[in-house]
Amino acid sequence: MKLLMLFRRMPWIDRVFIPVALVLAFFRISEGLMEGQASALAAGVGFALYAVGKLLQYWHGQDMRAAGLSLKLQMAGIGLWLASMIWRFAA
């Protein structure tokens, strides 16, 4: 129930992006595991980390300790996704 109320408070772009990022994460992780592509696996984990970090940002509201954790997860997700794209196109 709290999750539905949380989605109502979010801006529309985050209401769209978080589920899309989780679906992309699932498909990229499964592609990485089935095809043996480490870059796809890293991109999937990056999508998942960013989406979970964004969800935690809204879940905990204004709590500064949780804001640090959510920001770290978002930055780790962005970094991992960027590294996977560099790795994929450099190969």
Protein backbone atom coordinates (compact mmCIF):
# COMPACT_ATOMS: atom_id res chain seq x y z
CA MET A 1 0.00 0.00 0.00
CA LYS A 2 2.84 2.36 0.85
CA LEU A 3 4.37 1.62 -2.55
CA LEU A 4 1.21 2.77 -4.37
CA MET A 5 1.08 5.97 -2.35
CA LEU A 6 4.74 6.48 -3.09
CA PHE A 7 4.15 6.18 -6.84
CA ARG A 8 1.40 8.80 -6.65
CA ARG A 9 3.78 11.32 -5.07
CA MET A 10 6.54 10.82 -7.63
CA PRO A 11 6.94 13.03 -10.68
CA TRP A 12 5.57 11.38 -13.81
CA ILE A 13 8.99 10.78 -15.32
CA ASP A 14 10.07 8.68 -12.34
CA ARG A 15 6.77 6.79 -12.34
CA VAL A 16 7.59 5.75 -15.88
CA PHE A 17 11.34 5.30 -15.57
CA ILE A 18 11.60 3.09 -12.47
CA PRO A 19 9.48 0.18 -13.81
CA VAL A 20 11.09 0.51 -17.26
CA ALA A 21 14.57 0.42 -15.71
CA LEU A 22 13.69 -2.68 -13.69
CA VAL A 23 12.37 -4.45 -16.80
CA LEU A 24 15.48 -3.44 -18.76
CA ALA A 25 17.63 -4.67 -15.89
CA PHE A 26 15.90 -8.05 -15.96
CA PHE A 27 16.37 -8.45 -19.70
CA ARG A 28 20.00 -7.26 -19.70
CA ILE A 29 20.93 -9.51 -16.77
CA SER A 30 19.26 -12.50 -18.39
CA GLU A 31 21.00 -11.74 -21.71
CA GLY A 32 24.30 -11.44 -19.91
CA LEU A 33 23.84 -14.76 -18.16
CA MET A 34 22.58 -16.65 -21.22
CA GLU A 35 25.02 -15.25 -23.76
CA GLY A 36 27.96 -14.87 -21.42
CA GLN A 37 28.27 -11.15 -22.08
CA ALA A 38 29.79 -9.41 -19.10
CA SER A 39 28.93 -5.97 -20.50
CA ALA A 40 25.22 -6.84 -20.69
CA LEU A 41 25.32 -8.19 -17.16
CA ALA A 42 27.02 -5.03 -15.92
CA ALA A 43 24.49 -2.84 -17.72
CA GLY A 44 21.62 -4.79 -16.18
CA VAL A 45 23.05 -4.46 -12.70
CA GLY A 46 23.60 -0.75 -13.34
CA PHE A 47 19.96 -0.28 -14.36
CA ALA A 48 18.81 -2.17 -11.27
CA LEU A 49 21.04 -0.19 -8.91
CA TYR A 50 19.86 3.12 -10.34
CA ALA A 51 16.17 2.15 -10.14
CA VAL A 52 16.46 0.88 -6.57
CA GLY A 53 18.37 4.01 -5.56
CA LYS A 54 15.72 6.23 -7.13
CA LEU A 55 12.97 4.28 -5.38
CA LEU A 56 14.76 4.59 -2.03
CA GLN A 57 15.08 8.33 -2.59
CA TYR A 58 11.30 8.66 -2.56
CA TRP A 59 10.71 5.89 -0.01
CA HIS A 60 12.68 7.56 2.76
CA GLY A 61 11.71 11.12 1.87
CA GLN A 62 13.84 13.71 3.63
CA ASP A 63 15.94 11.38 5.82
CA MET A 64 19.51 12.45 5.16
CA ARG A 65 21.10 9.08 6.03
CA ALA A 66 18.90 7.30 3.53
CA ALA A 67 19.51 10.05 0.98
CA GLY A 68 23.20 9.23 1.09
CA LEU A 69 22.53 5.56 0.44
CA SER A 70 20.12 6.22 -2.41
CA LEU A 71 22.54 8.66 -4.01
CA LYS A 72 25.38 6.14 -3.74
CA LEU A 73 23.23 3.47 -5.39
CA GLN A 74 22.22 5.82 -8.20
CA MET A 75 25.80 6.90 -8.84
CA ALA A 76 27.03 3.28 -8.76
CA GLY A 77 24.31 2.36 -11.25
CA ILE A 78 25.23 5.18 -13.60
CA GLY A 79 28.93 4.35 -13.32
CA LEU A 80 28.39 0.66 -13.94
CA TRP A 81 26.14 1.32 -16.93
CA LEU A 82 28.65 3.81 -18.39
CA ALA A 83 31.53 1.39 -17.87
CA SER A 84 29.56 -1.37 -19.58
CA MET A 85 28.87 0.84 -22.59
CA ILE A 86 32.54 1.80 -22.89
CA TRP A 87 33.49 -1.86 -22.53
CA ARG A 88 30.94 -2.96 -25.11
CA PHE A 89 31.93 -0.45 -27.79
CA ALA A 90 35.67 -0.69 -27.16
CA ALA A 91 35.68 -4.43 -27.82
